[in-house]
Amino acid sequence: MNMEIQAALDVADETDSFLQITDVIYDKEADLGYESLSDAEKTVFCIDSLLREMENGGFVQFFHHEVGAQAEDTLAALERVKSRDIHAIFDELLDLFPDRAVPADEDARSALVSQLEDDYRNELEELDERFYEVSDSLVGLTLSFVARNVKSFR
């Protein structure tokens, strides 16, 4: 796999490079499951999942879907790629959850997020806006992470 990752890193267009890398990781995740991914692969998976869900509806969308169960992994991924701004935003977001605990169960998580939407609508909208203001750098930071850790992609 790391030959495919290296080839994707060599693509001139940053977006195309990122998409090729995520395609490889999503294929592995689909075949073997999330737990089969290395920490580096989980990092890219979580960053890409965050970007996709934010594009489709913001943080509420993120938590209403399966990837919301990986909130702690997403926070760690943001730290690994050195995205200080988005890490701080996501960390603040987790403070809205009681005891910072995001339920792994999708139904429980959806019910809690719906309640948070009612209680913290303005805060959630503000966090979304702050994310969108700084999210442009996330693909580049992730590609730099991949380049530094290419041997960790198996």
N, C-alpha and C. Protein backbone atom coordinates (compact mmCIF):
# COMPACT_ATOMS: atom_id res chain seq x y z
N MET A 1 0.81 -1.20 0.00
CA MET A 1 0.00 0.00 0.00
C MET A 1 0.85 1.26 0.00
N ASN A 2 2.01 1.25 0.69
CA ASN A 2 2.73 2.51 0.75
C ASN A 2 3.30 2.93 -0.60
N MET A 3 3.40 2.01 -1.57
CA MET A 3 3.78 2.41 -2.92
C MET A 3 2.66 3.22 -3.56
N GLU A 4 1.41 2.81 -3.31
CA GLU A 4 0.26 3.58 -3.82
C GLU A 4 0.19 4.95 -3.16
N ILE A 5 0.49 4.99 -1.88
CA ILE A 5 0.47 6.25 -1.14
C ILE A 5 1.56 7.18 -1.67
N GLN A 6 2.76 6.63 -1.87
CA GLN A 6 3.86 7.43 -2.40
C GLN A 6 3.52 7.96 -3.79
N ALA A 7 2.94 7.14 -4.63
CA ALA A 7 2.55 7.58 -5.97
C ALA A 7 1.52 8.70 -5.88
N ALA A 8 0.60 8.59 -4.95
CA ALA A 8 -0.42 9.64 -4.78
C ALA A 8 0.22 10.94 -4.29
N LEU A 9 1.22 10.82 -3.43
CA LEU A 9 1.91 12.01 -2.95
C LEU A 9 2.63 12.75 -4.08
N ASP A 10 3.01 12.00 -5.10
CA ASP A 10 3.75 12.59 -6.22
C ASP A 10 2.85 13.33 -7.21
N VAL A 11 1.53 13.22 -7.03
CA VAL A 11 0.59 13.93 -7.90
C VAL A 11 0.70 15.43 -7.60
N ALA A 12 0.79 16.23 -8.64
CA ALA A 12 1.02 17.67 -8.47
C ALA A 12 -0.15 18.38 -7.79
N ASP A 13 -1.37 18.03 -8.14
CA ASP A 13 -2.52 18.71 -7.57
C ASP A 13 -2.80 18.17 -6.17
N GLU A 14 -2.81 19.07 -5.18
CA GLU A 14 -2.99 18.69 -3.78
C GLU A 14 -4.31 17.94 -3.55
N THR A 15 -5.37 18.43 -4.13
CA THR A 15 -6.69 17.79 -3.95
C THR A 15 -6.70 16.40 -4.56
N ASP A 16 -6.16 16.26 -5.78
CA ASP A 16 -6.11 14.94 -6.42
C ASP A 16 -5.26 13.97 -5.60
N SER A 17 -4.14 14.45 -5.10
CA SER A 17 -3.27 13.63 -4.27
C SER A 17 -4.02 13.13 -3.04
N PHE A 18 -4.69 14.05 -2.35
CA PHE A 18 -5.45 13.70 -1.15
C PHE A 18 -6.54 12.68 -1.46
N LEU A 19 -7.26 12.91 -2.55
CA LEU A 19 -8.35 11.99 -2.92
C LEU A 19 -7.83 10.59 -3.26
N GLN A 20 -6.70 10.52 -3.93
CA GLN A 20 -6.11 9.20 -4.24
C GLN A 20 -5.71 8.47 -2.97
N ILE A 21 -5.14 9.19 -2.03
CA ILE A 21 -4.73 8.57 -0.76
C ILE A 21 -5.96 8.09 0.01
N THR A 22 -6.98 8.94 0.08
CA THR A 22 -8.17 8.53 0.83
C THR A 22 -8.88 7.36 0.16
N ASP A 23 -8.85 7.29 -1.16
CA ASP A 23 -9.45 6.14 -1.85
C ASP A 23 -8.80 4.84 -1.42
N VAL A 24 -7.48 4.84 -1.32
CA VAL A 24 -6.74 3.63 -0.91
C VAL A 24 -7.14 3.24 0.52
N ILE A 25 -7.22 4.22 1.39
CA ILE A 25 -7.54 3.94 2.80
C ILE A 25 -9.00 3.52 2.95
N TYR A 26 -9.90 4.16 2.24
CA TYR A 26 -11.31 3.77 2.32
C TYR A 26 -11.53 2.35 1.79
N ASP A 27 -10.79 1.97 0.75
CA ASP A 27 -10.89 0.60 0.26
C ASP A 27 -10.46 -0.40 1.32
N LYS A 28 -9.37 -0.11 2.00
CA LYS A 28 -8.89 -1.00 3.06
C LYS A 28 -9.91 -1.05 4.20
N GLU A 29 -10.44 0.09 4.58
CA GLU A 29 -11.41 0.14 5.67
C GLU A 29 -12.67 -0.65 5.30
N ALA A 30 -13.10 -0.52 4.06
CA ALA A 30 -14.30 -1.24 3.60
C ALA A 30 -14.07 -2.75 3.61
N ASP A 31 -12.87 -3.17 3.24
CA ASP A 31 -12.55 -4.60 3.18
C ASP A 31 -12.28 -5.21 4.55
N LEU A 32 -11.55 -4.48 5.41
CA LEU A 32 -11.06 -5.06 6.65
C LEU A 32 -11.59 -4.42 7.93
N GLY A 33 -12.25 -3.27 7.80
CA GLY A 33 -12.78 -2.58 8.96
C GLY A 33 -11.85 -1.51 9.50
N TYR A 34 -12.43 -0.58 10.23
CA TYR A 34 -11.70 0.56 10.78
C TYR A 34 -10.56 0.12 11.69
N GLU A 35 -10.80 -0.88 12.52
CA GLU A 35 -9.78 -1.31 13.48
C GLU A 35 -8.54 -1.90 12.81
N SER A 36 -8.66 -2.30 11.55
CA SER A 36 -7.50 -2.86 10.83
C SER A 36 -6.55 -1.77 10.35
N LEU A 37 -6.97 -0.52 10.39
CA LEU A 37 -6.13 0.57 9.92
C LEU A 37 -5.02 0.88 10.92
N SER A 38 -3.86 1.25 10.39
CA SER A 38 -2.77 1.72 11.26
C SER A 38 -3.16 3.09 11.81
N ASP A 39 -2.44 3.57 12.80
CA ASP A 39 -2.73 4.90 13.35
C ASP A 39 -2.64 5.97 12.28
N ALA A 40 -1.65 5.86 11.40
CA ALA A 40 -1.50 6.84 10.32
C ALA A 40 -2.69 6.78 9.37
N GLU A 41 -3.14 5.58 9.05
CA GLU A 41 -4.31 5.41 8.18
C GLU A 41 -5.57 5.94 8.84
N LYS A 42 -5.72 5.67 10.14
CA LYS A 42 -6.87 6.20 10.88
C LYS A 42 -6.85 7.72 10.88
N THR A 43 -5.66 8.28 10.97
CA THR A 43 -5.54 9.75 10.95
C THR A 43 -6.13 10.31 9.67
N VAL A 44 -5.72 9.77 8.53
CA VAL A 44 -6.22 10.26 7.25
C VAL A 44 -7.72 9.97 7.11
N PHE A 45 -8.13 8.79 7.53
CA PHE A 45 -9.54 8.42 7.46
C PHE A 45 -10.39 9.41 8.26
N CYS A 46 -9.96 9.73 9.47
CA CYS A 46 -10.73 10.64 10.32
C CYS A 46 -10.75 12.05 9.76
N ILE A 47 -9.61 12.52 9.27
CA ILE A 47 -9.57 13.87 8.69
C ILE A 47 -10.49 13.95 7.48
N ASP A 48 -10.40 12.96 6.61
CA ASP A 48 -11.25 12.97 5.42
C ASP A 48 -12.73 12.87 5.80
N SER A 49 -13.04 12.03 6.76
CA SER A 49 -14.44 11.89 7.20
C SER A 49 -14.95 13.20 7.77
N LEU A 50 -14.13 13.88 8.55
CA LEU A 50 -14.51 15.17 9.09
C LEU A 50 -14.78 16.16 7.96
N LEU A 51 -13.87 16.23 7.00
CA LEU A 51 -14.05 17.16 5.88
C LEU A 51 -15.33 16.86 5.09
N ARG A 52 -15.57 15.59 4.85
CA ARG A 52 -16.77 15.20 4.09
C ARG A 52 -18.05 15.58 4.81
N GLU A 53 -18.10 15.28 6.10
CA GLU A 53 -19.32 15.58 6.87
C GLU A 53 -19.50 17.09 7.05
N MET A 54 -18.43 17.81 7.21
CA MET A 54 -18.53 19.26 7.34
C MET A 54 -19.03 19.89 6.04
N GLU A 55 -18.60 19.33 4.92
CA GLU A 55 -19.09 19.80 3.62
C GLU A 55 -20.58 19.57 3.46
N ASN A 56 -21.08 18.51 4.08
CA ASN A 56 -22.47 18.11 3.91
C ASN A 56 -23.42 18.58 5.00
N GLY A 57 -22.91 19.34 5.98
CA GLY A 57 -23.86 19.79 6.99
C GLY A 57 -23.27 20.20 8.32
N GLY A 58 -21.98 20.25 8.46
CA GLY A 58 -21.38 20.74 9.69
C GLY A 58 -21.20 19.67 10.76
N PHE A 59 -20.90 20.15 11.94
CA PHE A 59 -20.59 19.23 13.05
C PHE A 59 -21.78 18.35 13.42
N VAL A 60 -22.98 18.89 13.32
CA VAL A 60 -24.16 18.07 13.63
C VAL A 60 -24.20 16.88 12.67
N GLN A 61 -23.94 17.12 11.41
CA GLN A 61 -23.89 16.04 10.41
C GLN A 61 -22.83 15.00 10.79
N PHE A 62 -21.66 15.50 11.20
CA PHE A 62 -20.56 14.61 11.61
C PHE A 62 -21.03 13.64 12.69
N PHE A 63 -21.66 14.17 13.72
CA PHE A 63 -22.04 13.33 14.85
C PHE A 63 -23.25 12.46 14.58
N HIS A 64 -24.10 12.85 13.66
CA HIS A 64 -25.27 12.04 13.35
C HIS A 64 -24.89 10.81 12.51
N HIS A 65 -23.70 10.78 11.96
CA HIS A 65 -23.29 9.64 11.14
C HIS A 65 -22.28 8.76 11.87
N GLU A 66 -22.04 7.62 11.29
CA GLU A 66 -21.18 6.60 11.87
C GLU A 66 -19.83 7.14 12.34
N VAL A 67 -19.26 8.04 11.57
CA VAL A 67 -17.94 8.58 11.89
C VAL A 67 -17.94 9.34 13.21
N GLY A 68 -19.09 9.81 13.65
CA GLY A 68 -19.17 10.51 14.94
C GLY A 68 -18.68 9.66 16.09
N ALA A 69 -18.76 8.34 15.94
CA ALA A 69 -18.26 7.43 16.98
C ALA A 69 -16.75 7.52 17.13
N GLN A 70 -16.08 8.08 16.13
CA GLN A 70 -14.62 8.21 16.19
C GLN A 70 -14.19 9.63 16.55
N ALA A 71 -14.99 10.30 17.36
CA ALA A 71 -14.69 11.69 17.72
C ALA A 71 -13.33 11.82 18.41
N GLU A 72 -13.04 10.93 19.34
CA GLU A 72 -11.74 11.00 20.03
C GLU A 72 -10.59 10.74 19.06
N ASP A 73 -10.76 9.80 18.14
CA ASP A 73 -9.73 9.53 17.13
C ASP A 73 -9.57 10.74 16.21
N THR A 74 -10.67 11.43 15.93
CA THR A 74 -10.61 12.61 15.08
C THR A 74 -9.84 13.72 15.77
N LEU A 75 -10.08 13.91 17.05
CA LEU A 75 -9.33 14.90 17.81
C LEU A 75 -7.84 14.57 17.79
N ALA A 76 -7.50 13.30 18.00
CA ALA A 76 -6.10 12.87 17.96
C ALA A 76 -5.51 13.07 16.57
N ALA A 77 -6.31 12.80 15.53
CA ALA A 77 -5.83 12.99 14.15
C ALA A 77 -5.50 14.45 13.89
N LEU A 78 -6.34 15.34 14.36
CA LEU A 78 -6.08 16.78 14.18
C LEU A 78 -4.79 17.20 14.87
N GLU A 79 -4.53 16.58 16.01
CA GLU A 79 -3.26 16.87 16.70
C GLU A 79 -2.08 16.30 15.91
N ARG A 80 -2.23 15.08 15.39
CA ARG A 80 -1.13 14.46 14.64
C ARG A 80 -0.75 15.25 13.39
N VAL A 81 -1.75 15.82 12.71
CA VAL A 81 -1.43 16.58 11.48
C VAL A 81 -1.05 18.02 11.80
N LYS A 82 -1.08 18.35 13.08
CA LYS A 82 -0.67 19.68 13.56
C LYS A 82 -1.62 20.80 13.12
N SER A 83 -2.90 20.50 13.16
CA SER A 83 -3.92 21.50 12.84
C SER A 83 -4.40 22.14 14.14
N ARG A 84 -3.61 23.07 14.64
CA ARG A 84 -3.91 23.67 15.95
C ARG A 84 -5.29 24.34 15.98
N ASP A 85 -5.61 25.09 14.94
CA ASP A 85 -6.88 25.82 14.93
C ASP A 85 -8.08 24.88 14.97
N ILE A 86 -8.08 23.90 14.10
CA ILE A 86 -9.23 22.99 14.04
C ILE A 86 -9.24 22.07 15.25
N HIS A 87 -8.08 21.70 15.74
CA HIS A 87 -8.01 20.90 16.97
C HIS A 87 -8.69 21.67 18.11
N ALA A 88 -8.40 22.95 18.24
CA ALA A 88 -8.99 23.76 19.30
C ALA A 88 -10.51 23.86 19.14
N ILE A 89 -10.97 24.01 17.91
CA ILE A 89 -12.41 24.08 17.65
C ILE A 89 -13.08 22.76 18.00
N PHE A 90 -12.48 21.66 17.56
CA PHE A 90 -13.06 20.34 17.81
C PHE A 90 -13.03 20.02 19.31
N ASP A 91 -11.98 20.42 19.98
CA ASP A 91 -11.86 20.22 21.42
C ASP A 91 -12.97 20.98 22.14
N GLU A 92 -13.21 22.20 21.72
CA GLU A 92 -14.29 23.01 22.28
C GLU A 92 -15.65 22.36 22.01
N LEU A 93 -15.80 21.79 20.84
CA LEU A 93 -17.03 21.09 20.49
C LEU A 93 -17.28 19.91 21.44
N LEU A 94 -16.25 19.15 21.73
CA LEU A 94 -16.41 18.00 22.62
C LEU A 94 -16.80 18.42 24.03
N ASP A 95 -16.46 19.66 24.41
CA ASP A 95 -16.88 20.16 25.72
C ASP A 95 -18.39 20.28 25.85
N LEU A 96 -19.12 20.33 24.75
CA LEU A 96 -20.58 20.41 24.79
C LEU A 96 -21.20 19.08 25.22
N PHE A 97 -20.47 17.99 25.07
CA PHE A 97 -20.98 16.67 25.44
C PHE A 97 -20.76 16.45 26.94
N PRO A 98 -21.77 15.89 27.62
CA PRO A 98 -21.58 15.60 29.05
C PRO A 98 -20.35 14.72 29.27
N ASP A 99 -19.46 15.19 30.13
CA ASP A 99 -18.21 14.49 30.44
C ASP A 99 -17.35 14.27 29.19
N ARG A 100 -17.61 15.05 28.13
CA ARG A 100 -16.87 14.95 26.86
C ARG A 100 -17.02 13.56 26.24
N ALA A 101 -18.05 12.83 26.63
CA ALA A 101 -18.26 11.46 26.15
C ALA A 101 -19.24 11.46 24.97
N VAL A 102 -18.75 11.00 23.83
CA VAL A 102 -19.58 10.86 22.64
C VAL A 102 -19.99 9.39 22.55
N PRO A 103 -21.28 9.11 22.62
CA PRO A 103 -21.71 7.70 22.59
C PRO A 103 -21.29 6.99 21.30
N ALA A 104 -20.81 5.77 21.44
CA ALA A 104 -20.44 4.97 20.26
C ALA A 104 -21.70 4.47 19.54
N ASP A 105 -22.74 4.21 20.30
CA ASP A 105 -23.99 3.74 19.72
C ASP A 105 -24.63 4.86 18.91
N GLU A 106 -24.95 4.56 17.64
CA GLU A 106 -25.45 5.59 16.73
C GLU A 106 -26.78 6.19 17.21
N ASP A 107 -27.68 5.38 17.70
CA ASP A 107 -28.97 5.89 18.16
C ASP A 107 -28.80 6.80 19.38
N ALA A 108 -27.99 6.36 20.33
CA ALA A 108 -27.73 7.17 21.53
C ALA A 108 -27.03 8.48 21.16
N ARG A 109 -26.07 8.39 20.24
CA ARG A 109 -25.34 9.57 19.80
C ARG A 109 -26.27 10.54 19.08
N SER A 110 -27.13 10.03 18.21
CA SER A 110 -28.08 10.88 17.47
C SER A 110 -29.04 11.59 18.43
N ALA A 111 -29.53 10.86 19.41
CA ALA A 111 -30.45 11.47 20.38
C ALA A 111 -29.75 12.57 21.17
N LEU A 112 -28.52 12.31 21.58
CA LEU A 112 -27.77 13.31 22.34
C LEU A 112 -27.46 14.53 21.48
N VAL A 113 -27.07 14.30 20.24
CA VAL A 113 -26.74 15.41 19.35
C VAL A 113 -27.99 16.25 19.05
N SER A 114 -29.12 15.62 18.91
CA SER A 114 -30.37 16.36 18.71
C SER A 114 -30.66 17.25 19.92
N GLN A 115 -30.39 16.73 21.11
CA GLN A 115 -30.57 17.52 22.32
C GLN A 115 -29.57 18.68 22.36
N LEU A 116 -28.33 18.39 21.99
CA LEU A 116 -27.31 19.45 21.96
C LEU A 116 -27.68 20.53 20.94
N GLU A 117 -28.26 20.10 19.82
CA GLU A 117 -28.71 21.06 18.81
C GLU A 117 -29.74 22.03 19.39
N ASP A 118 -30.65 21.49 20.19
CA ASP A 118 -31.66 22.34 20.82
C ASP A 118 -31.03 23.27 21.86
N ASP A 119 -30.11 22.73 22.65
CA ASP A 119 -29.52 23.50 23.75
C ASP A 119 -28.41 24.46 23.31
N TYR A 120 -27.68 24.11 22.27
CA TYR A 120 -26.49 24.87 21.88
C TYR A 120 -26.47 25.25 20.40
N ARG A 121 -27.62 25.54 19.85
CA ARG A 121 -27.70 25.85 18.41
C ARG A 121 -26.72 26.95 18.00
N ASN A 122 -26.72 28.06 18.73
CA ASN A 122 -25.84 29.18 18.37
C ASN A 122 -24.36 28.80 18.48
N GLU A 123 -24.02 28.07 19.52
CA GLU A 123 -22.63 27.66 19.71
C GLU A 123 -22.18 26.73 18.59
N LEU A 124 -23.05 25.80 18.21
CA LEU A 124 -22.72 24.87 17.13
C LEU A 124 -22.55 25.61 15.81
N GLU A 125 -23.42 26.56 15.54
CA GLU A 125 -23.29 27.34 14.31
C GLU A 125 -21.99 28.14 14.30
N GLU A 126 -21.64 28.69 15.44
CA GLU A 126 -20.40 29.47 15.54
C GLU A 126 -19.17 28.56 15.34
N LEU A 127 -19.21 27.37 15.92
CA LEU A 127 -18.11 26.42 15.73
C LEU A 127 -17.99 26.00 14.27
N ASP A 128 -19.12 25.77 13.62
CA ASP A 128 -19.11 25.47 12.18
C ASP A 128 -18.44 26.60 11.41
N GLU A 129 -18.86 27.83 11.68
CA GLU A 129 -18.30 28.99 10.97
C GLU A 129 -16.80 29.11 11.19
N ARG A 130 -16.37 28.92 12.42
CA ARG A 130 -14.93 28.99 12.71
C ARG A 130 -14.18 27.89 11.97
N PHE A 131 -14.77 26.70 11.89
CA PHE A 131 -14.14 25.61 11.14
C PHE A 131 -13.96 26.01 9.68
N TYR A 132 -15.02 26.51 9.06
CA TYR A 132 -14.97 26.85 7.64
C TYR A 132 -13.94 27.95 7.36
N GLU A 133 -13.73 28.84 8.31
CA GLU A 133 -12.76 29.92 8.13
C GLU A 133 -11.32 29.41 8.06
N VAL A 134 -11.03 28.28 8.72
CA VAL A 134 -9.64 27.80 8.79
C VAL A 134 -9.41 26.44 8.14
N SER A 135 -10.45 25.86 7.57
CA SER A 135 -10.34 24.48 7.09
C SER A 135 -9.51 24.32 5.82
N ASP A 136 -9.23 25.41 5.12
CA ASP A 136 -8.49 25.31 3.86
C ASP A 136 -7.13 24.63 4.01
N SER A 137 -6.50 24.78 5.16
CA SER A 137 -5.16 24.24 5.36
C SER A 137 -5.14 22.75 5.69
N LEU A 138 -6.30 22.17 5.96
CA LEU A 138 -6.33 20.80 6.49
C LEU A 138 -5.82 19.75 5.50
N VAL A 139 -6.13 19.89 4.24
CA VAL A 139 -5.65 18.93 3.24
C VAL A 139 -4.12 18.99 3.16
N GLY A 140 -3.56 20.17 3.08
CA GLY A 140 -2.11 20.33 3.01
C GLY A 140 -1.40 19.78 4.24
N LEU A 141 -1.95 20.06 5.41
CA LEU A 141 -1.37 19.54 6.65
C LEU A 141 -1.41 18.01 6.67
N THR A 142 -2.51 17.45 6.17
CA THR A 142 -2.65 15.99 6.15
C THR A 142 -1.66 15.38 5.16
N LEU A 143 -1.49 16.00 4.00
CA LEU A 143 -0.51 15.49 3.03
C LEU A 143 0.91 15.56 3.60
N SER A 144 1.23 16.59 4.34
CA SER A 144 2.55 16.68 4.98
C SER A 144 2.72 15.56 6.00
N PHE A 145 1.66 15.28 6.74
CA PHE A 145 1.68 14.17 7.70
C PHE A 145 1.93 12.85 6.97
N VAL A 146 1.22 12.63 5.88
CA VAL A 146 1.37 11.39 5.12
C VAL A 146 2.81 11.26 4.61
N ALA A 147 3.35 12.34 4.09
CA ALA A 147 4.72 12.31 3.56
C ALA A 147 5.72 11.97 4.67
N ARG A 148 5.50 12.47 5.86
CA ARG A 148 6.42 12.19 7.00
C ARG A 148 6.26 10.76 7.51
N ASN A 149 5.10 10.14 7.23
CA ASN A 149 4.78 8.83 7.81
C ASN A 149 4.45 7.78 6.77
N VAL A 150 4.95 7.92 5.56
CA VAL A 150 4.55 7.05 4.45
C VAL A 150 4.79 5.57 4.77
N LYS A 151 5.78 5.26 5.57
CA LYS A 151 6.07 3.85 5.91
C LYS A 151 5.02 3.26 6.85
N SER A 152 4.21 4.10 7.44
CA SER A 152 3.16 3.62 8.36
C SER A 152 1.89 3.21 7.65
N PHE A 153 1.88 3.36 6.33
CA PHE A 153 0.71 2.95 5.53
C PHE A 153 1.01 1.58 4.98
N ARG A 154 0.25 0.56 5.44
CA ARG A 154 0.58 -0.81 5.06
C ARG A 154 -0.43 -1.36 4.08
